[in-house]
Amino acid sequence: MKKIILSISLSFFAIILGLTTSTAQSATQWKLDKSHTSVNFSINHFFSAVTGKFSNFDGSFNFDPNNVAESKADFTIAVKSVNTDDGKRDKHLQSGDFFNASEFPNISFKSTKIEKKNNKEFLVHGQLTIRDKTKDVVLPLKITGEMEHPMMKGTIILGLASNLKINRTEYGVGTGSWAATMVVGDEVDINIHMELNRKK
């Protein structure tokens, strides 16, 4: 009788362990297609919006809409890749007046939790670090499409879009006279469009 009870107990434990292991499986890993990804921003100069972008970035993504508990994202942007179509202004943005690229070369984002709103929309909670300041932010993330690549057999592509507004002065970017006057606005509008891919 004891052997039967022991056998049943072990079987039950094995089932529970199997369910736990299955639930904790990693979300699907995706590769960032940098040539079809853009990191853009805009900020007011007096009353007119000035736009720019960062051309050097990288990221790692484990994402499954049906397994957000195990989904995660990391993103890094090289500050020296800032481009506003004005070389003099770009150098100023890299200086100590703004990003201080020599001391703080990267902007980084690391997710801490992903929430699912519906099948297409998600909220990515994480920490954004600019210069020496790290703050909790929430990035709205939207799936813009998913399909098999028509020219790369056996490859799935996924489109994602995110928009975030931050206050640059909270990260120490453009403090002093740049914060005290209306020359440069405080609010920065960041738009990210990403294309990810993976093998089937």
C-alpha atoms as a PDB file:
ATOM      1  CA  MET A   1       0.000   0.000   0.000  1.00  0.00           C
ATOM      2  CA  LYS A   2       2.859   2.356   0.887  1.00  0.00           C
ATOM      3  CA  LYS A   3       4.509   1.606  -2.479  1.00  0.00           C
ATOM      4  CA  ILE A   4       1.262   2.463  -4.288  1.00  0.00           C
ATOM      5  CA  ILE A   5       0.902   5.731  -2.372  1.00  0.00           C
ATOM      6  CA  LEU A   6       4.562   6.558  -3.028  1.00  0.00           C
ATOM      7  CA  SER A   7       4.134   5.801  -6.730  1.00  0.00           C
ATOM      8  CA  ILE A   8       1.031   8.004  -6.985  1.00  0.00           C
ATOM      9  CA  SER A   9       2.800  10.824  -5.124  1.00  0.00           C
ATOM     10  CA  LEU A  10       5.828  10.669  -7.406  1.00  0.00           C
ATOM     11  CA  SER A  11       3.610  10.640 -10.504  1.00  0.00           C
ATOM     12  CA  PHE A  12       1.668  13.648  -9.230  1.00  0.00           C
ATOM     13  CA  PHE A  13       4.928  15.493  -8.459  1.00  0.00           C
ATOM     14  CA  ALA A  14       6.232  14.730 -11.951  1.00  0.00           C
ATOM     15  CA  ILE A  15       3.039  16.128 -13.530  1.00  0.00           C
ATOM     16  CA  ILE A  16       3.270  19.340 -11.473  1.00  0.00           C
ATOM     17  CA  LEU A  17       6.961  19.706 -12.302  1.00  0.00           C
ATOM     18  CA  GLY A  18       6.196  19.208 -15.985  1.00  0.00           C
ATOM     19  CA  LEU A  19       3.494  21.868 -15.921  1.00  0.00           C
ATOM     20  CA  THR A  20       5.797  24.290 -14.116  1.00  0.00           C
ATOM     21  CA  THR A  21       8.622  23.706 -16.576  1.00  0.00           C
ATOM     22  CA  SER A  22       6.262  24.160 -19.519  1.00  0.00           C
ATOM     23  CA  THR A  23       4.911  27.425 -18.104  1.00  0.00           C
ATOM     24  CA  ALA A  24       8.424  28.771 -17.523  1.00  0.00           C
ATOM     25  CA  GLN A  25       9.600  28.170 -21.078  1.00  0.00           C
ATOM     26  CA  SER A  26      11.403  31.117 -22.642  1.00  0.00           C
ATOM     27  CA  ALA A  27       9.500  33.315 -25.041  1.00  0.00           C
ATOM     28  CA  THR A  28      10.430  33.244 -28.732  1.00  0.00           C
ATOM     29  CA  GLN A  29      13.774  34.864 -29.533  1.00  0.00           C
ATOM     30  CA  TRP A  30      13.774  37.415 -32.367  1.00  0.00           C
ATOM     31  CA  LYS A  31      16.587  39.096 -34.290  1.00  0.00           C
ATOM     32  CA  LEU A  32      16.508  42.856 -34.871  1.00  0.00           C
ATOM     33  CA  ASP A  33      16.663  43.840 -38.534  1.00  0.00           C
ATOM     34  CA  LYS A  34      18.583  47.109 -38.174  1.00  0.00           C
ATOM     35  CA  SER A  35      18.238  48.089 -41.824  1.00  0.00           C
ATOM     36  CA  HIS A  36      14.454  48.183 -41.410  1.00  0.00           C
ATOM     37  CA  THR A  37      14.361  49.707 -37.932  1.00  0.00           C
ATOM     38  CA  SER A  38      14.345  53.420 -37.064  1.00  0.00           C
ATOM     39  CA  VAL A  39      14.791  55.403 -33.841  1.00  0.00           C
ATOM     40  CA  ASN A  40      13.478  58.932 -34.368  1.00  0.00           C
ATOM     41  CA  PHE A  41      12.796  61.887 -32.094  1.00  0.00           C
ATOM     42  CA  SER A  42      11.459  65.424 -32.236  1.00  0.00           C
ATOM     43  CA  ILE A  43      11.766  68.407 -29.911  1.00  0.00           C
ATOM     44  CA  ASN A  44      10.701  72.019 -30.161  1.00  0.00           C
ATOM     45  CA  HIS A  45      13.175  74.803 -30.939  1.00  0.00           C
ATOM     46  CA  PHE A  46      11.216  77.897 -29.938  1.00  0.00           C
ATOM     47  CA  PHE A  47       7.906  77.059 -31.669  1.00  0.00           C
ATOM     48  CA  SER A  48       9.097  74.726 -34.424  1.00  0.00           C
ATOM     49  CA  ALA A  49       9.710  70.979 -34.105  1.00  0.00           C
ATOM     50  CA  VAL A  50      13.227  69.788 -34.933  1.00  0.00           C
ATOM     51  CA  THR A  51      13.506  66.128 -35.861  1.00  0.00           C
ATOM     52  CA  GLY A  52      16.415  63.741 -35.585  1.00  0.00           C
ATOM     53  CA  LYS A  53      17.376  60.096 -35.344  1.00  0.00           C
ATOM     54  CA  PHE A  54      19.963  57.685 -33.975  1.00  0.00           C
ATOM     55  CA  SER A  55      21.537  55.467 -36.621  1.00  0.00           C
ATOM     56  CA  ASN A  56      23.542  53.094 -34.399  1.00  0.00           C
ATOM     57  CA  PHE A  57      21.578  50.830 -32.066  1.00  0.00           C
ATOM     58  CA  ASP A  58      21.086  47.195 -31.110  1.00  0.00           C
ATOM     59  CA  GLY A  59      18.640  45.089 -29.179  1.00  0.00           C
ATOM     60  CA  SER A  60      17.721  41.608 -27.988  1.00  0.00           C
ATOM     61  CA  PHE A  61      14.112  40.464 -27.887  1.00  0.00           C
ATOM     62  CA  ASN A  62      12.339  37.446 -26.457  1.00  0.00           C
ATOM     63  CA  PHE A  63       8.715  38.066 -27.270  1.00  0.00           C
ATOM     64  CA  ASP A  64       5.600  35.908 -27.397  1.00  0.00           C
ATOM     65  CA  PRO A  65       2.164  37.567 -27.229  1.00  0.00           C
ATOM     66  CA  ASN A  66       0.856  34.460 -25.483  1.00  0.00           C
ATOM     67  CA  ASN A  67       3.727  34.266 -23.006  1.00  0.00           C
ATOM     68  CA  VAL A  68       4.380  37.810 -21.823  1.00  0.00           C
ATOM     69  CA  ALA A  69       5.572  36.558 -18.416  1.00  0.00           C
ATOM     70  CA  GLU A  70       8.728  35.238 -20.078  1.00  0.00           C
ATOM     71  CA  SER A  71       9.013  38.012 -22.684  1.00  0.00           C
ATOM     72  CA  LYS A  72      11.759  40.618 -22.328  1.00  0.00           C
ATOM     73  CA  ALA A  73      13.582  43.309 -24.270  1.00  0.00           C
ATOM     74  CA  ASP A  74      16.883  45.164 -24.090  1.00  0.00           C
ATOM     75  CA  PHE A  75      17.784  48.094 -26.322  1.00  0.00           C
ATOM     76  CA  THR A  76      20.966  50.168 -26.588  1.00  0.00           C
ATOM     77  CA  ILE A  77      21.531  53.354 -28.586  1.00  0.00           C
ATOM     78  CA  ALA A  78      24.929  54.908 -29.342  1.00  0.00           C
ATOM     79  CA  VAL A  79      24.728  58.621 -28.511  1.00  0.00           C
ATOM     80  CA  LYS A  80      27.393  59.588 -31.071  1.00  0.00           C
ATOM     81  CA  SER A  81      25.106  58.331 -33.835  1.00  0.00           C
ATOM     82  CA  VAL A  82      22.680  61.232 -33.291  1.00  0.00           C
ATOM     83  CA  ASN A  83      21.778  62.896 -36.585  1.00  0.00           C
ATOM     84  CA  THR A  84      19.681  66.055 -36.966  1.00  0.00           C
ATOM     85  CA  ASP A  85      20.999  66.930 -40.451  1.00  0.00           C
ATOM     86  CA  ASP A  86      23.198  69.612 -38.922  1.00  0.00           C
ATOM     87  CA  GLY A  87      26.771  68.596 -38.057  1.00  0.00           C
ATOM     88  CA  LYS A  88      27.389  71.551 -35.723  1.00  0.00           C
ATOM     89  CA  ARG A  89      24.190  70.851 -33.795  1.00  0.00           C
ATOM     90  CA  ASP A  90      24.962  67.125 -33.592  1.00  0.00           C
ATOM     91  CA  LYS A  91      28.364  67.839 -32.023  1.00  0.00           C
ATOM     92  CA  HIS A  92      26.684  70.165 -29.533  1.00  0.00           C
ATOM     93  CA  LEU A  93      24.197  67.432 -28.615  1.00  0.00           C
ATOM     94  CA  GLN A  94      27.109  65.071 -27.962  1.00  0.00           C
ATOM     95  CA  SER A  95      28.835  67.620 -25.709  1.00  0.00           C
ATOM     96  CA  GLY A  96      28.555  68.079 -21.957  1.00  0.00           C
ATOM     97  CA  ASP A  97      25.756  70.607 -22.494  1.00  0.00           C
ATOM     98  CA  PHE A  98      23.479  67.741 -23.506  1.00  0.00           C
ATOM     99  CA  PHE A  99      24.262  63.989 -23.696  1.00  0.00           C
ATOM    100  CA  ASN A 100      27.958  64.114 -22.743  1.00  0.00           C
ATOM    101  CA  ALA A 101      28.707  61.238 -25.110  1.00  0.00           C
ATOM    102  CA  SER A 102      32.363  60.899 -24.090  1.00  0.00           C
ATOM    103  CA  GLU A 103      31.393  59.977 -20.530  1.00  0.00           C
ATOM    104  CA  PHE A 104      28.004  58.379 -21.195  1.00  0.00           C
ATOM    105  CA  PRO A 105      28.235  56.827 -24.679  1.00  0.00           C
ATOM    106  CA  ASN A 106      24.980  54.849 -24.612  1.00  0.00           C
ATOM    107  CA  ILE A 107      21.281  55.250 -23.964  1.00  0.00           C
ATOM    108  CA  SER A 108      19.815  51.983 -22.703  1.00  0.00           C
ATOM    109  CA  PHE A 109      16.439  50.429 -21.970  1.00  0.00           C
ATOM    110  CA  LYS A 110      15.907  47.168 -20.084  1.00  0.00           C
ATOM    111  CA  SER A 111      12.442  45.733 -19.593  1.00  0.00           C
ATOM    112  CA  THR A 112      11.229  44.549 -16.200  1.00  0.00           C
ATOM    113  CA  LYS A 113       7.708  43.400 -17.114  1.00  0.00           C
ATOM    114  CA  ILE A 114       5.442  43.219 -20.158  1.00  0.00           C
ATOM    115  CA  GLU A 115       1.662  43.554 -19.892  1.00  0.00           C
ATOM    116  CA  LYS A 116      -0.786  42.426 -22.549  1.00  0.00           C
ATOM    117  CA  LYS A 117      -3.651  44.831 -23.277  1.00  0.00           C
ATOM    118  CA  ASN A 118      -5.019  42.885 -26.241  1.00  0.00           C
ATOM    119  CA  ASN A 119      -3.702  40.752 -29.107  1.00  0.00           C
ATOM    120  CA  LYS A 120      -1.985  43.742 -30.730  1.00  0.00           C
ATOM    121  CA  GLU A 121      -1.124  46.139 -27.902  1.00  0.00           C
ATOM    122  CA  PHE A 122       1.216  45.751 -24.944  1.00  0.00           C
ATOM    123  CA  LEU A 123       2.809  47.827 -22.189  1.00  0.00           C
ATOM    124  CA  VAL A 124       6.530  47.325 -21.691  1.00  0.00           C
ATOM    125  CA  HIS A 125       7.648  48.375 -18.212  1.00  0.00           C
ATOM    126  CA  GLY A 126      11.359  48.997 -17.839  1.00  0.00           C
ATOM    127  CA  GLN A 127      14.252  51.252 -16.927  1.00  0.00           C
ATOM    128  CA  LEU A 128      15.518  53.942 -19.267  1.00  0.00           C
ATOM    129  CA  THR A 129      19.052  55.215 -18.659  1.00  0.00           C
ATOM    130  CA  ILE A 130      20.322  58.464 -20.201  1.00  0.00           C
ATOM    131  CA  ARG A 131      23.584  60.003 -18.998  1.00  0.00           C
ATOM    132  CA  ASP A 132      23.795  58.928 -15.337  1.00  0.00           C
ATOM    133  CA  LYS A 133      20.043  58.966 -14.714  1.00  0.00           C
ATOM    134  CA  THR A 134      17.869  55.823 -14.670  1.00  0.00           C
ATOM    135  CA  LYS A 135      14.093  56.123 -14.488  1.00  0.00           C
ATOM    136  CA  ASP A 136      11.134  53.758 -14.690  1.00  0.00           C
ATOM    137  CA  VAL A 137       9.123  54.187 -17.878  1.00  0.00           C
ATOM    138  CA  VAL A 138       6.295  52.397 -19.650  1.00  0.00           C
ATOM    139  CA  LEU A 139       6.549  51.945 -23.415  1.00  0.00           C
ATOM    140  CA  PRO A 140       3.312  51.303 -25.307  1.00  0.00           C
ATOM    141  CA  LEU A 141       4.100  48.604 -27.872  1.00  0.00           C
ATOM    142  CA  LYS A 142       1.962  47.735 -30.885  1.00  0.00           C
ATOM    143  CA  ILE A 143       2.245  44.795 -33.267  1.00  0.00           C
ATOM    144  CA  THR A 144       1.960  46.277 -36.762  1.00  0.00           C
ATOM    145  CA  GLY A 145       2.093  42.961 -38.601  1.00  0.00           C
ATOM    146  CA  GLU A 146       3.415  39.415 -38.723  1.00  0.00           C
ATOM    147  CA  MET A 147       3.932  37.185 -41.741  1.00  0.00           C
ATOM    148  CA  GLU A 148       6.255  34.751 -43.461  1.00  0.00           C
ATOM    149  CA  HIS A 149       8.961  36.608 -45.377  1.00  0.00           C
ATOM    150  CA  PRO A 150       8.128  36.382 -49.113  1.00  0.00           C
ATOM    151  CA  MET A 151      11.813  36.389 -50.126  1.00  0.00           C
ATOM    152  CA  MET A 152      13.382  34.466 -47.228  1.00  0.00           C
ATOM    153  CA  LYS A 153      11.932  30.977 -47.040  1.00  0.00           C
ATOM    154  CA  GLY A 154      11.272  29.717 -43.535  1.00  0.00           C
ATOM    155  CA  THR A 155      11.583  33.165 -41.949  1.00  0.00           C
ATOM    156  CA  ILE A 156       8.876  34.977 -39.984  1.00  0.00           C
ATOM    157  CA  ILE A 157       8.947  38.786 -39.751  1.00  0.00           C
ATOM    158  CA  LEU A 158       7.303  40.853 -37.020  1.00  0.00           C
ATOM    159  CA  GLY A 159       6.641  44.597 -37.052  1.00  0.00           C
ATOM    160  CA  LEU A 160       6.540  46.586 -33.803  1.00  0.00           C
ATOM    161  CA  ALA A 161       5.993  50.269 -33.094  1.00  0.00           C
ATOM    162  CA  SER A 162       6.434  52.315 -29.926  1.00  0.00           C
ATOM    163  CA  ASN A 163       6.042  55.964 -28.997  1.00  0.00           C
ATOM    164  CA  LEU A 164       7.267  57.565 -25.781  1.00  0.00           C
ATOM    165  CA  LYS A 165       7.392  61.121 -24.451  1.00  0.00           C
ATOM    166  CA  ILE A 166      10.036  62.041 -21.889  1.00  0.00           C
ATOM    167  CA  ASN A 167      11.250  65.203 -20.187  1.00  0.00           C
ATOM    168  CA  ARG A 168      14.904  65.651 -21.133  1.00  0.00           C
ATOM    169  CA  THR A 169      15.696  67.741 -18.029  1.00  0.00           C
ATOM    170  CA  GLU A 170      14.819  64.784 -15.770  1.00  0.00           C
ATOM    171  CA  TYR A 171      17.814  62.994 -17.309  1.00  0.00           C
ATOM    172  CA  GLY A 172      20.147  65.996 -17.078  1.00  0.00           C
ATOM    173  CA  VAL A 173      20.139  66.568 -20.846  1.00  0.00           C
ATOM    174  CA  GLY A 174      20.454  70.261 -21.681  1.00  0.00           C
ATOM    175  CA  THR A 175      20.411  71.724 -18.192  1.00  0.00           C
ATOM    176  CA  GLY A 176      21.393  75.265 -17.180  1.00  0.00           C
ATOM    177  CA  SER A 177      20.439  77.973 -19.659  1.00  0.00           C
ATOM    178  CA  TRP A 178      19.048  75.384 -22.076  1.00  0.00           C
ATOM    179  CA  ALA A 179      16.434  74.394 -19.488  1.00  0.00           C
ATOM    180  CA  ALA A 180      15.725  77.886 -18.182  1.00  0.00           C
ATOM    181  CA  THR A 181      14.827  79.409 -21.550  1.00  0.00           C
ATOM    182  CA  MET A 182      12.364  78.602 -24.329  1.00  0.00           C
ATOM    183  CA  VAL A 183      15.148  77.912 -26.847  1.00  0.00           C
ATOM    184  CA  VAL A 184      14.789  74.133 -26.522  1.00  0.00           C
ATOM    185  CA  GLY A 185      11.598  72.461 -25.313  1.00  0.00           C
ATOM    186  CA  ASP A 186      11.597  70.063 -22.373  1.00  0.00           C
ATOM    187  CA  GLU A 187       9.446  67.340 -23.928  1.00  0.00           C
ATOM    188  CA  VAL A 188      11.012  64.889 -26.367  1.00  0.00           C
ATOM    189  CA  ASP A 189       8.801  62.727 -28.571  1.00  0.00           C
ATOM    190  CA  ILE A 190      10.477  59.380 -29.366  1.00  0.00           C
ATOM    191  CA  ASN A 191       9.206  57.108 -32.141  1.00  0.00           C
ATOM    192  CA  ILE A 192      10.599  53.615 -32.721  1.00  0.00           C
ATOM    193  CA  HIS A 193       9.628  51.310 -35.576  1.00  0.00           C
ATOM    194  CA  MET A 194      11.175  47.862 -35.531  1.00  0.00           C
ATOM    195  CA  GLU A 195      11.287  44.859 -37.806  1.00  0.00           C
ATOM    196  CA  LEU A 196      12.214  41.575 -36.149  1.00  0.00           C
ATOM    197  CA  ASN A 197      12.704  38.172 -37.719  1.00  0.00           C
ATOM    198  CA  ARG A 198      13.131  34.529 -36.711  1.00  0.00           C
ATOM    199  CA  LYS A 199      13.269  31.091 -38.269  1.00  0.00           C
ATOM    200  CA  LYS A 200      10.058  29.068 -38.312  1.00  0.00           C
END
